[in-house]
PDB file of N, CA and C in Angstrom:
ATOM      1  N   THR A   1     -67.280  96.108 -57.647  1.00  0.00           N
ATOM      2  CA  THR A   1     -67.319  97.500 -57.278  1.00  0.00           C
ATOM      3  C   THR A   1     -66.034  97.892 -56.553  1.00  0.00           C
ATOM      4  N   ALA A   2     -65.663  97.093 -55.553  1.00  0.00           N
ATOM      5  CA  ALA A   2     -64.444  97.399 -54.792  1.00  0.00           C
ATOM      6  C   ALA A   2     -63.220  97.310 -55.685  1.00  0.00           C
ATOM      7  N   ALA A   3     -63.188  96.301 -56.565  1.00  0.00           N
ATOM      8  CA  ALA A   3     -62.044  96.156 -57.467  1.00  0.00           C
ATOM      9  C   ALA A   3     -61.943  97.345 -58.416  1.00  0.00           C
ATOM     10  N   LEU A   4     -63.068  97.820 -58.899  1.00  0.00           N
ATOM     11  CA  LEU A   4     -63.071  98.976 -59.799  1.00  0.00           C
ATOM     12  C   LEU A   4     -62.551 100.216 -59.074  1.00  0.00           C
ATOM     13  N   LEU A   5     -63.000 100.425 -57.853  1.00  0.00           N
ATOM     14  CA  LEU A   5     -62.519 101.568 -57.084  1.00  0.00           C
ATOM     15  C   LEU A   5     -61.034 101.438 -56.777  1.00  0.00           C
ATOM     16  N   LYS A   6     -60.580 100.225 -56.531  1.00  0.00           N
ATOM     17  CA  LYS A   6     -59.153 100.006 -56.275  1.00  0.00           C
ATOM     18  C   LYS A   6     -58.329 100.375 -57.502  1.00  0.00           C
ATOM     19  N   GLN A   7     -58.815 100.012 -58.690  1.00  0.00           N
ATOM     20  CA  GLN A   7     -58.116 100.356 -59.931  1.00  0.00           C
ATOM     21  C   GLN A   7     -58.058 101.871 -60.121  1.00  0.00           C
ATOM     22  N   MET A   8     -59.057 102.572 -59.609  1.00  0.00           N
ATOM     23  CA  MET A   8     -59.110 104.026 -59.772  1.00  0.00           C
ATOM     24  C   MET A   8     -58.236 104.750 -58.760  1.00  0.00           C
ATOM     25  N   GLY A   9     -57.668 104.025 -57.838  1.00  0.00           N
ATOM     26  CA  GLY A   9     -56.786 104.670 -56.875  1.00  0.00           C
ATOM     27  C   GLY A   9     -57.117 104.358 -55.438  1.00  0.00           C
ATOM     28  N   GLY A  10     -58.247 103.717 -55.202  1.00  0.00           N
ATOM     29  CA  GLY A  10     -58.580 103.314 -53.854  1.00  0.00           C
ATOM     30  C   GLY A  10     -59.068 104.438 -52.970  1.00  0.00           C
ATOM     31  N   GLN A  11     -59.426 104.064 -51.757  1.00  0.00           N
ATOM     32  CA  GLN A  11     -59.954 105.014 -50.786  1.00  0.00           C
ATOM     33  C   GLN A  11     -58.900 106.070 -50.467  1.00  0.00           C
ATOM     34  N   GLY A  12     -59.327 107.300 -50.387  1.00  0.00           N
ATOM     35  CA  GLY A  12     -58.430 108.379 -50.058  1.00  0.00           C
ATOM     36  C   GLY A  12     -57.703 108.956 -51.249  1.00  0.00           C
ATOM     37  N   GLN A  13     -57.763 108.302 -52.405  1.00  0.00           N
ATOM     38  CA  GLN A  13     -57.047 108.792 -53.562  1.00  0.00           C
ATOM     39  C   GLN A  13     -57.975 109.279 -54.663  1.00  0.00           C
ATOM     40  N   VAL A  14     -59.250 108.900 -54.607  1.00  0.00           N
ATOM     41  CA  VAL A  14     -60.210 109.500 -55.530  1.00  0.00           C
ATOM     42  C   VAL A  14     -60.621 110.824 -54.907  1.00  0.00           C
ATOM     43  N   ARG A  15     -61.074 111.742 -55.716  1.00  0.00           N
ATOM     44  CA  ARG A  15     -61.337 113.077 -55.164  1.00  0.00           C
ATOM     45  C   ARG A  15     -62.414 113.031 -54.083  1.00  0.00           C
ATOM     46  N   GLU A  16     -62.368 113.989 -53.223  1.00  0.00           N
ATOM     47  CA  GLU A  16     -63.176 113.976 -52.003  1.00  0.00           C
ATOM     48  C   GLU A  16     -64.672 113.841 -52.261  1.00  0.00           C
ATOM     49  N   SER A  17     -65.186 114.472 -53.298  1.00  0.00           N
ATOM     50  CA  SER A  17     -66.629 114.455 -53.548  1.00  0.00           C
ATOM     51  C   SER A  17     -67.049 113.360 -54.526  1.00  0.00           C
ATOM     52  N   PHE A  18     -66.175 112.401 -54.779  1.00  0.00           N
ATOM     53  CA  PHE A  18     -66.444 111.322 -55.743  1.00  0.00           C
ATOM     54  C   PHE A  18     -67.647 110.494 -55.307  1.00  0.00           C
ATOM     55  N   VAL A  19     -68.543 110.174 -56.264  1.00  0.00           N
ATOM     56  CA  VAL A  19     -69.702 109.320 -55.997  1.00  0.00           C
ATOM     57  C   VAL A  19     -69.795 108.265 -57.085  1.00  0.00           C
ATOM     58  N   MET A  20     -69.902 107.009 -56.662  1.00  0.00           N
ATOM     59  CA  MET A  20     -70.133 105.897 -57.578  1.00  0.00           C
ATOM     60  C   MET A  20     -71.553 105.386 -57.337  1.00  0.00           C
ATOM     61  N   LEU A  21     -72.420 105.616 -58.310  1.00  0.00           N
ATOM     62  CA  LEU A  21     -73.809 105.173 -58.221  1.00  0.00           C
ATOM     63  C   LEU A  21     -73.888 103.744 -58.749  1.00  0.00           C
ATOM     64  N   CYS A  22     -74.386 102.834 -57.923  1.00  0.00           N
ATOM     65  CA  CYS A  22     -74.507 101.427 -58.310  1.00  0.00           C
ATOM     66  C   CYS A  22     -75.991 101.094 -58.450  1.00  0.00           C
ATOM     67  N   VAL A  23     -76.415 100.855 -59.677  1.00  0.00           N
ATOM     68  CA  VAL A  23     -77.823 100.574 -59.960  1.00  0.00           C
ATOM     69  C   VAL A  23     -77.991  99.081 -60.166  1.00  0.00           C
ATOM     70  N   ASP A  24     -78.842  98.486 -59.361  1.00  0.00           N
ATOM     71  CA  ASP A  24     -79.082  97.043 -59.432  1.00  0.00           C
ATOM     72  C   ASP A  24     -80.395  96.771 -58.712  1.00  0.00           C
ATOM     73  N   THR A  25     -81.047  95.688 -59.073  1.00  0.00           N
ATOM     74  CA  THR A  25     -82.240  95.285 -58.333  1.00  0.00           C
ATOM     75  C   THR A  25     -81.860  94.496 -57.084  1.00  0.00           C
ATOM     76  N   TRP A  26     -80.695  93.918 -57.098  1.00  0.00           N
ATOM     77  CA  TRP A  26     -80.218  93.029 -56.046  1.00  0.00           C
ATOM     78  C   TRP A  26     -81.226  91.926 -55.770  1.00  0.00           C
ATOM     79  N   LEU A  27     -81.867  91.472 -56.854  1.00  0.00           N
ATOM     80  CA  LEU A  27     -82.763  90.317 -56.751  1.00  0.00           C
ATOM     81  C   LEU A  27     -82.045  89.035 -57.155  1.00  0.00           C
ATOM     82  N   GLY A  28     -81.037  89.186 -58.007  1.00  0.00           N
ATOM     83  CA  GLY A  28     -80.284  88.020 -58.447  1.00  0.00           C
ATOM     84  C   GLY A  28     -80.979  87.286 -59.573  1.00  0.00           C
ATOM     85  N   ALA A  29     -80.304  86.294 -60.060  1.00  0.00           N
ATOM     86  CA  ALA A  29     -80.833  85.425 -61.106  1.00  0.00           C
ATOM     87  C   ALA A  29     -81.062  84.047 -60.492  1.00  0.00           C
ATOM     88  N   ALA A  30     -81.623  83.150 -61.260  1.00  0.00           N
ATOM     89  CA  ALA A  30     -81.931  81.813 -60.749  1.00  0.00           C
ATOM     90  C   ALA A  30     -80.706  81.156 -60.119  1.00  0.00           C
ATOM     91  N   GLU A  31     -79.548  81.266 -60.794  1.00  0.00           N
ATOM     92  CA  GLU A  31     -78.346  80.615 -60.262  1.00  0.00           C
ATOM     93  C   GLU A  31     -77.889  81.232 -58.945  1.00  0.00           C
ATOM     94  N   THR A  32     -78.253  82.478 -58.714  1.00  0.00           N
ATOM     95  CA  THR A  32     -77.880  83.147 -57.463  1.00  0.00           C
ATOM     96  C   THR A  32     -78.438  82.396 -56.271  1.00  0.00           C
ATOM     97  N   PHE A  33     -79.678  81.976 -56.364  1.00  0.00           N
ATOM     98  CA  PHE A  33     -80.321  81.295 -55.246  1.00  0.00           C
ATOM     99  C   PHE A  33     -79.770  79.895 -55.040  1.00  0.00           C
ATOM    100  N   LEU A  34     -79.301  79.276 -56.110  1.00  0.00           N
ATOM    101  CA  LEU A  34     -78.729  77.937 -55.995  1.00  0.00           C
ATOM    102  C   LEU A  34     -77.358  77.977 -55.324  1.00  0.00           C
ATOM    103  N   LEU A  35     -76.638  79.089 -55.447  1.00  0.00           N
ATOM    104  CA  LEU A  35     -75.280  79.194 -54.919  1.00  0.00           C
ATOM    105  C   LEU A  35     -75.196  79.827 -53.536  1.00  0.00           C
ATOM    106  N   ARG A  36     -76.254  80.467 -53.097  1.00  0.00           N
ATOM    107  CA  ARG A  36     -76.214  81.204 -51.820  1.00  0.00           C
ATOM    108  C   ARG A  36     -76.311  80.279 -50.623  1.00  0.00           C
ATOM    109  N   GLU A  37     -75.542  80.611 -49.601  1.00  0.00           N
ATOM    110  CA  GLU A  37     -75.579  79.834 -48.360  1.00  0.00           C
ATOM    111  C   GLU A  37     -76.624  80.372 -47.395  1.00  0.00           C
ATOM    112  N   ASP A  38     -76.742  81.707 -47.322  1.00  0.00           N
ATOM    113  CA  ASP A  38     -77.657  82.344 -46.381  1.00  0.00           C
ATOM    114  C   ASP A  38     -78.745  83.074 -47.148  1.00  0.00           C
ATOM    115  N   LEU A  39     -79.896  82.430 -47.275  1.00  0.00           N
ATOM    116  CA  LEU A  39     -80.998  83.037 -48.025  1.00  0.00           C
ATOM    117  C   LEU A  39     -81.748  84.081 -47.199  1.00  0.00           C
ATOM    118  N   ASN A  40     -81.425  84.225 -45.921  1.00  0.00           N
ATOM    119  CA  ASN A  40     -82.080  85.230 -45.091  1.00  0.00           C
ATOM    120  C   ASN A  40     -81.463  86.609 -45.287  1.00  0.00           C
ATOM    121  N   LYS A  41     -80.216  86.655 -45.761  1.00  0.00           N
ATOM    122  CA  LYS A  41     -79.538  87.925 -46.006  1.00  0.00           C
ATOM    123  C   LYS A  41     -79.832  88.346 -47.441  1.00  0.00           C
ATOM    124  N   THR A  42     -80.240  89.600 -47.642  1.00  0.00           N
ATOM    125  CA  THR A  42     -80.525  90.060 -48.996  1.00  0.00           C
ATOM    126  C   THR A  42     -79.216  90.315 -49.741  1.00  0.00           C
ATOM    127  N   LEU A  43     -79.289  90.295 -51.053  1.00  0.00           N
ATOM    128  CA  LEU A  43     -78.106  90.587 -51.864  1.00  0.00           C
ATOM    129  C   LEU A  43     -77.634  92.024 -51.645  1.00  0.00           C
ATOM    130  N   LEU A  44     -78.563  92.953 -51.421  1.00  0.00           N
ATOM    131  CA  LEU A  44     -78.178  94.331 -51.135  1.00  0.00           C
ATOM    132  C   LEU A  44     -77.418  94.406 -49.812  1.00  0.00           C
ATOM    133  N   ASP A  45     -77.878  93.694 -48.783  1.00  0.00           N
ATOM    134  CA  ASP A  45     -77.164  93.659 -47.505  1.00  0.00           C
ATOM    135  C   ASP A  45     -75.752  93.117 -47.700  1.00  0.00           C
ATOM    136  N   GLU A  46     -75.644  92.047 -48.458  1.00  0.00           N
ATOM    137  CA  GLU A  46     -74.342  91.437 -48.727  1.00  0.00           C
ATOM    138  C   GLU A  46     -73.432  92.400 -49.492  1.00  0.00           C
ATOM    139  N   PHE A  47     -73.999  93.088 -50.480  1.00  0.00           N
ATOM    140  CA  PHE A  47     -73.247  94.060 -51.260  1.00  0.00           C
ATOM    141  C   PHE A  47     -72.711  95.168 -50.359  1.00  0.00           C
ATOM    142  N   MET A  48     -73.581  95.718 -49.508  1.00  0.00           N
ATOM    143  CA  MET A  48     -73.172  96.814 -48.638  1.00  0.00           C
ATOM    144  C   MET A  48     -72.121  96.364 -47.613  1.00  0.00           C
ATOM    145  N   GLU A  49     -72.217  95.128 -47.142  1.00  0.00           N
ATOM    146  CA  GLU A  49     -71.183  94.595 -46.246  1.00  0.00           C
ATOM    147  C   GLU A  49     -69.844  94.531 -46.971  1.00  0.00           C
ATOM    148  N   ASN A  50     -69.849  94.070 -48.218  1.00  0.00           N
ATOM    149  CA  ASN A  50     -68.620  93.989 -49.012  1.00  0.00           C
ATOM    150  C   ASN A  50     -68.036  95.374 -49.262  1.00  0.00           C
ATOM    151  N   VAL A  51     -68.900  96.343 -49.556  1.00  0.00           N
ATOM    152  CA  VAL A  51     -68.448  97.715 -49.784  1.00  0.00           C
ATOM    153  C   VAL A  51     -67.808  98.266 -48.508  1.00  0.00           C
ATOM    154  N   ALA A  52     -68.444  98.026 -47.362  1.00  0.00           N
ATOM    155  CA  ALA A  52     -67.917  98.511 -46.086  1.00  0.00           C
ATOM    156  C   ALA A  52     -66.579  97.844 -45.765  1.00  0.00           C
ATOM    157  N   GLN A  53     -66.491  96.541 -45.981  1.00  0.00           N
ATOM    158  CA  GLN A  53     -65.244  95.822 -45.714  1.00  0.00           C
ATOM    159  C   GLN A  53     -64.106  96.333 -46.589  1.00  0.00           C
ATOM    160  N   ALA A  54     -64.431  96.775 -47.791  1.00  0.00           N
ATOM    161  CA  ALA A  54     -63.412  97.306 -48.704  1.00  0.00           C
ATOM    162  C   ALA A  54     -63.086  98.768 -48.388  1.00  0.00           C
ATOM    163  N   GLY A  55     -63.839  99.381 -47.484  1.00  0.00           N
ATOM    164  CA  GLY A  55     -63.583 100.756 -47.088  1.00  0.00           C
ATOM    165  C   GLY A  55     -64.115 101.797 -48.053  1.00  0.00           C
ATOM    166  N   HIS A  56     -65.202 101.473 -48.763  1.00  0.00           N
ATOM    167  CA  HIS A  56     -65.723 102.405 -49.763  1.00  0.00           C
ATOM    168  C   HIS A  56     -67.146 102.877 -49.486  1.00  0.00           C
ATOM    169  N   SER A  57     -67.607 102.747 -48.258  1.00  0.00           N
ATOM    170  CA  SER A  57     -68.967 103.188 -47.924  1.00  0.00           C
ATOM    171  C   SER A  57     -69.162 104.674 -48.161  1.00  0.00           C
ATOM    172  N   ASP A  58     -68.061 105.427 -48.135  1.00  0.00           N
ATOM    173  CA  ASP A  58     -68.151 106.867 -48.293  1.00  0.00           C
ATOM    174  C   ASP A  58     -68.329 107.311 -49.740  1.00  0.00           C
ATOM    175  N   VAL A  59     -68.125 106.414 -50.697  1.00  0.00           N
ATOM    176  CA  VAL A  59     -68.235 106.814 -52.109  1.00  0.00           C
ATOM    177  C   VAL A  59     -69.276 106.020 -52.893  1.00  0.00           C
ATOM    178  N   VAL A  60     -69.754 104.893 -52.362  1.00  0.00           N
ATOM    179  CA  VAL A  60     -70.700 104.042 -53.084  1.00  0.00           C
ATOM    180  C   VAL A  60     -72.123 104.357 -52.642  1.00  0.00           C
ATOM    181  N   LEU A  61     -72.962 104.674 -53.622  1.00  0.00           N
ATOM    182  CA  LEU A  61     -74.370 104.964 -53.371  1.00  0.00           C
ATOM    183  C   LEU A  61     -75.215 103.933 -54.118  1.00  0.00           C
ATOM    184  N   PRO A  62     -75.877 103.022 -53.397  1.00  0.00           N
ATOM    185  CA  PRO A  62     -76.702 102.025 -54.074  1.00  0.00           C
ATOM    186  C   PRO A  62     -78.074 102.590 -54.445  1.00  0.00           C
ATOM    187  N   LEU A  63     -78.563 102.214 -55.614  1.00  0.00           N
ATOM    188  CA  LEU A  63     -79.910 102.565 -56.039  1.00  0.00           C
ATOM    189  C   LEU A  63     -80.582 101.263 -56.446  1.00  0.00           C
ATOM    190  N   GLN A  64     -81.523 100.814 -55.633  1.00  0.00           N
ATOM    191  CA  GLN A  64     -82.179  99.536 -55.883  1.00  0.00           C
ATOM    192  C   GLN A  64     -83.297  99.721 -56.904  1.00  0.00           C
ATOM    193  N   ALA A  65     -82.939  99.475 -58.169  1.00  0.00           N
ATOM    194  CA  ALA A  65     -83.877  99.631 -59.276  1.00  0.00           C
ATOM    195  C   ALA A  65     -83.319  98.882 -60.484  1.00  0.00           C
ATOM    196  N   SER A  66     -84.159  98.659 -61.461  1.00  0.00           N
ATOM    197  CA  SER A  66     -83.665  98.093 -62.714  1.00  0.00           C
ATOM    198  C   SER A  66     -82.819  99.159 -63.413  1.00  0.00           C
ATOM    199  N   SER A  67     -82.010  98.747 -64.356  1.00  0.00           N
ATOM    200  CA  SER A  67     -81.158  99.699 -65.075  1.00  0.00           C
ATOM    201  C   SER A  67     -81.979 100.783 -65.754  1.00  0.00           C
ATOM    202  N   ILE A  68     -83.066 100.393 -66.385  1.00  0.00           N
ATOM    203  CA  ILE A  68     -83.892 101.351 -67.125  1.00  0.00           C
ATOM    204  C   ILE A  68     -84.545 102.345 -66.170  1.00  0.00           C
ATOM    205  N   VAL A  69     -85.103 101.863 -65.078  1.00  0.00           N
ATOM    206  CA  VAL A  69     -85.730 102.753 -64.095  1.00  0.00           C
ATOM    207  C   VAL A  69     -84.664 103.644 -63.439  1.00  0.00           C
ATOM    208  N   GLY A  70     -83.523 103.085 -63.110  1.00  0.00           N
ATOM    209  CA  GLY A  70     -82.451 103.864 -62.494  1.00  0.00           C
ATOM    210  C   GLY A  70     -81.955 104.980 -63.382  1.00  0.00           C
ATOM    211  N   LEU A  71     -81.754 104.684 -64.670  1.00  0.00           N
ATOM    212  CA  LEU A  71     -81.298 105.719 -65.600  1.00  0.00           C
ATOM    213  C   LEU A  71     -82.356 106.801 -65.796  1.00  0.00           C
ATOM    214  N   ASP A  72     -83.613 106.394 -65.876  1.00  0.00           N
ATOM    215  CA  ASP A  72     -84.706 107.363 -66.021  1.00  0.00           C
ATOM    216  C   ASP A  72     -84.776 108.263 -64.788  1.00  0.00           C
ATOM    217  N   LEU A  73     -84.703 107.679 -63.613  1.00  0.00           N
ATOM    218  CA  LEU A  73     -84.740 108.459 -62.380  1.00  0.00           C
ATOM    219  C   LEU A  73     -83.565 109.422 -62.306  1.00  0.00           C
ATOM    220  N   LEU A  74     -82.377 108.940 -62.623  1.00  0.00           N
ATOM    221  CA  LEU A  74     -81.191 109.791 -62.570  1.00  0.00           C
ATOM    222  C   LEU A  74     -81.314 110.968 -63.534  1.00  0.00           C
ATOM    223  N   GLN A  75     -81.816 110.695 -64.732  1.00  0.00           N
ATOM    224  CA  GLN A  75     -81.996 111.760 -65.719  1.00  0.00           C
ATOM    225  C   GLN A  75     -82.990 112.809 -65.213  1.00  0.00           C
ATOM    226  N   ARG A  76     -84.098 112.359 -64.659  1.00  0.00           N
ATOM    227  CA  ARG A  76     -85.103 113.300 -64.150  1.00  0.00           C
ATOM    228  C   ARG A  76     -84.582 114.125 -62.976  1.00  0.00           C
ATOM    229  N   LEU A  77     -83.863 113.484 -62.059  1.00  0.00           N
ATOM    230  CA  LEU A  77     -83.302 114.207 -60.921  1.00  0.00           C
ATOM    231  C   LEU A  77     -82.259 115.222 -61.374  1.00  0.00           C
ATOM    232  N   ALA A  78     -81.448 114.857 -62.361  1.00  0.00           N
ATOM    233  CA  ALA A  78     -80.427 115.769 -62.877  1.00  0.00           C
ATOM    234  C   ALA A  78     -81.072 116.947 -63.602  1.00  0.00           C
ATOM    235  N   GLU A  79     -82.129 116.674 -64.378  1.00  0.00           N
ATOM    236  CA  GLU A  79     -82.819 117.748 -65.099  1.00  0.00           C
ATOM    237  C   GLU A  79     -83.383 118.782 -64.136  1.00  0.00           C
ATOM    238  N   HIS A  80     -83.854 118.342 -62.993  1.00  0.00           N
ATOM    239  CA  HIS A  80     -84.410 119.246 -61.989  1.00  0.00           C
ATOM    240  C   HIS A  80     -83.353 119.696 -60.983  1.00  0.00           C
ATOM    241  N   ARG A  81     -82.118 119.361 -61.266  1.00  0.00           N
ATOM    242  CA  ARG A  81     -80.966 119.753 -60.435  1.00  0.00           C
ATOM    243  C   ARG A  81     -81.144 119.363 -58.976  1.00  0.00           C
ATOM    244  N   ARG A  82     -81.738 118.200 -58.764  1.00  0.00           N
ATOM    245  CA  ARG A  82     -81.921 117.709 -57.392  1.00  0.00           C
ATOM    246  C   ARG A  82     -80.706 116.934 -56.908  1.00  0.00           C
ATOM    247  N   VAL A  83     -79.952 116.397 -57.842  1.00  0.00           N
ATOM    248  CA  VAL A  83     -78.726 115.672 -57.485  1.00  0.00           C
ATOM    249  C   VAL A  83     -77.630 116.048 -58.467  1.00  0.00           C
ATOM    250  N   PRO A  84     -76.395 116.074 -57.993  1.00  0.00           N
ATOM    251  CA  PRO A  84     -75.299 116.282 -58.939  1.00  0.00           C
ATOM    252  C   PRO A  84     -75.090 115.013 -59.752  1.00  0.00           C
ATOM    253  N   ALA A  85     -74.531 115.153 -60.918  1.00  0.00           N
ATOM    254  CA  ALA A  85     -74.255 113.980 -61.751  1.00  0.00           C
ATOM    255  C   ALA A  85     -73.195 113.127 -61.066  1.00  0.00           C
ATOM    256  N   PRO A  86     -73.404 111.816 -60.990  1.00  0.00           N
ATOM    257  CA  PRO A  86     -72.389 110.965 -60.377  1.00  0.00           C
ATOM    258  C   PRO A  86     -71.138 110.924 -61.259  1.00  0.00           C
ATOM    259  N   ASP A  87     -70.008 110.609 -60.644  1.00  0.00           N
ATOM    260  CA  ASP A  87     -68.758 110.500 -61.376  1.00  0.00           C
ATOM    261  C   ASP A  87     -68.702 109.196 -62.164  1.00  0.00           C
ATOM    262  N   LEU A  88     -69.365 108.184 -61.642  1.00  0.00           N
ATOM    263  CA  LEU A  88     -69.334 106.856 -62.260  1.00  0.00           C
ATOM    264  C   LEU A  88     -70.658 106.172 -61.978  1.00  0.00           C
ATOM    265  N   ILE A  89     -71.223 105.539 -62.991  1.00  0.00           N
ATOM    266  CA  ILE A  89     -72.457 104.766 -62.822  1.00  0.00           C
ATOM    267  C   ILE A  89     -72.144 103.323 -63.169  1.00  0.00           C
ATOM    268  N   TYR A  90     -72.433 102.436 -62.244  1.00  0.00           N
ATOM    269  CA  TYR A  90     -72.258 101.007 -62.477  1.00  0.00           C
ATOM    270  C   TYR A  90     -73.644 100.394 -62.597  1.00  0.00           C
ATOM    271  N   LEU A  91     -73.963  99.882 -63.763  1.00  0.00           N
ATOM    272  CA  LEU A  91     -75.247  99.218 -63.983  1.00  0.00           C
ATOM    273  C   LEU A  91     -75.009  97.714 -64.012  1.00  0.00           C
ATOM    274  N   ASP A  92     -75.627  97.013 -63.089  1.00  0.00           N
ATOM    275  CA  ASP A  92     -75.549  95.558 -63.115  1.00  0.00           C
ATOM    276  C   ASP A  92     -76.709  95.086 -63.962  1.00  0.00           C
ATOM    277  N   SER A  93     -76.407  94.805 -65.197  1.00  0.00           N
ATOM    278  CA  SER A  93     -77.441  94.468 -66.164  1.00  0.00           C
ATOM    279  C   SER A  93     -78.125  93.149 -65.823  1.00  0.00           C
ATOM    280  N   ALA A  94     -79.216  92.909 -66.495  1.00  0.00           N
ATOM    281  CA  ALA A  94     -79.955  91.659 -66.342  1.00  0.00           C
ATOM    282  C   ALA A  94     -79.059  90.480 -66.724  1.00  0.00           C
ATOM    283  N   HIS A  95     -79.462  89.332 -66.311  1.00  0.00           N
ATOM    284  CA  HIS A  95     -78.679  88.133 -66.596  1.00  0.00           C
ATOM    285  C   HIS A  95     -79.338  87.291 -67.689  1.00  0.00           C
ATOM    286  N   VAL A  96     -80.222  87.922 -68.424  1.00  0.00           N
ATOM    287  CA  VAL A  96     -80.925  87.247 -69.513  1.00  0.00           C
ATOM    288  C   VAL A  96     -80.677  88.049 -70.787  1.00  0.00           C
ATOM    289  N   ALA A  97     -80.272  87.369 -71.853  1.00  0.00           N
ATOM    290  CA  ALA A  97     -79.821  88.048 -73.079  1.00  0.00           C
ATOM    291  C   ALA A  97     -80.825  89.081 -73.608  1.00  0.00           C
ATOM    292  N   GLY A  98     -82.069  88.738 -73.752  1.00  0.00           N
ATOM    293  CA  GLY A  98     -83.061  89.661 -74.302  1.00  0.00           C
ATOM    294  C   GLY A  98     -83.243  90.898 -73.440  1.00  0.00           C
ATOM    295  N   GLU A  99     -83.257  90.705 -72.147  1.00  0.00           N
ATOM    296  CA  GLU A  99     -83.433  91.832 -71.227  1.00  0.00           C
ATOM    297  C   GLU A  99     -82.208  92.744 -71.257  1.00  0.00           C
ATOM    298  N   THR A 100     -81.035  92.160 -71.339  1.00  0.00           N
ATOM    299  CA  THR A 100     -79.798  92.945 -71.424  1.00  0.00           C
ATOM    300  C   THR A 100     -79.775  93.777 -72.696  1.00  0.00           C
ATOM    301  N   LEU A 101     -80.222  93.219 -73.803  1.00  0.00           N
ATOM    302  CA  LEU A 101     -80.273  93.956 -75.064  1.00  0.00           C
ATOM    303  C   LEU A 101     -81.196  95.164 -74.941  1.00  0.00           C
ATOM    304  N   VAL A 102     -82.345  94.988 -74.321  1.00  0.00           N
ATOM    305  CA  VAL A 102     -83.276  96.113 -74.117  1.00  0.00           C
ATOM    306  C   VAL A 102     -82.603  97.200 -73.283  1.00  0.00           C
ATOM    307  N   GLU A 103     -81.870  96.808 -72.248  1.00  0.00           N
ATOM    308  CA  GLU A 103     -81.176  97.796 -71.404  1.00  0.00           C
ATOM    309  C   GLU A 103     -80.122  98.550 -72.192  1.00  0.00           C
ATOM    310  N   LEU A 104     -79.352  97.846 -73.007  1.00  0.00           N
ATOM    311  CA  LEU A 104     -78.310  98.487 -73.791  1.00  0.00           C
ATOM    312  C   LEU A 104     -78.881  99.483 -74.792  1.00  0.00           C
ATOM    313  N   VAL A 105     -79.948  99.099 -75.450  1.00  0.00           N
ATOM    314  CA  VAL A 105     -80.575  99.977 -76.446  1.00  0.00           C
ATOM    315  C   VAL A 105     -81.171 101.200 -75.757  1.00  0.00           C
ATOM    316  N   THR A 106     -81.796 100.995 -74.623  1.00  0.00           N
ATOM    317  CA  THR A 106     -82.442 102.086 -73.895  1.00  0.00           C
ATOM    318  C   THR A 106     -81.423 103.049 -73.311  1.00  0.00           C
ATOM    319  N   ALA A 107     -80.310 102.529 -72.796  1.00  0.00           N
ATOM    320  CA  ALA A 107     -79.306 103.370 -72.171  1.00  0.00           C
ATOM    321  C   ALA A 107     -78.690 104.282 -73.214  1.00  0.00           C
TER     322      ALA A 107
END
């Protein structure tokens, strides 16, 4: 996320009202738990710490949901004009081939 924002111009150079919606469950995959040192910290907490350290807390909006649920929610909120359309949506797809295919077809 931070690297993508850096490629786009970094903090202070993207337009003032820029929003990057990051949709993920932040549950991780099996290998995630094998590699983690601190299992007491959630992946969402770790993600938000990384975003803050990179200086992008002002533009990154996390949505803790599966890709399919996140896209459905975003579509419904936009249809009812409850939220403006984000400038960029980052979907962290599933880590299992069949599930990723379902997400791609649905999106």
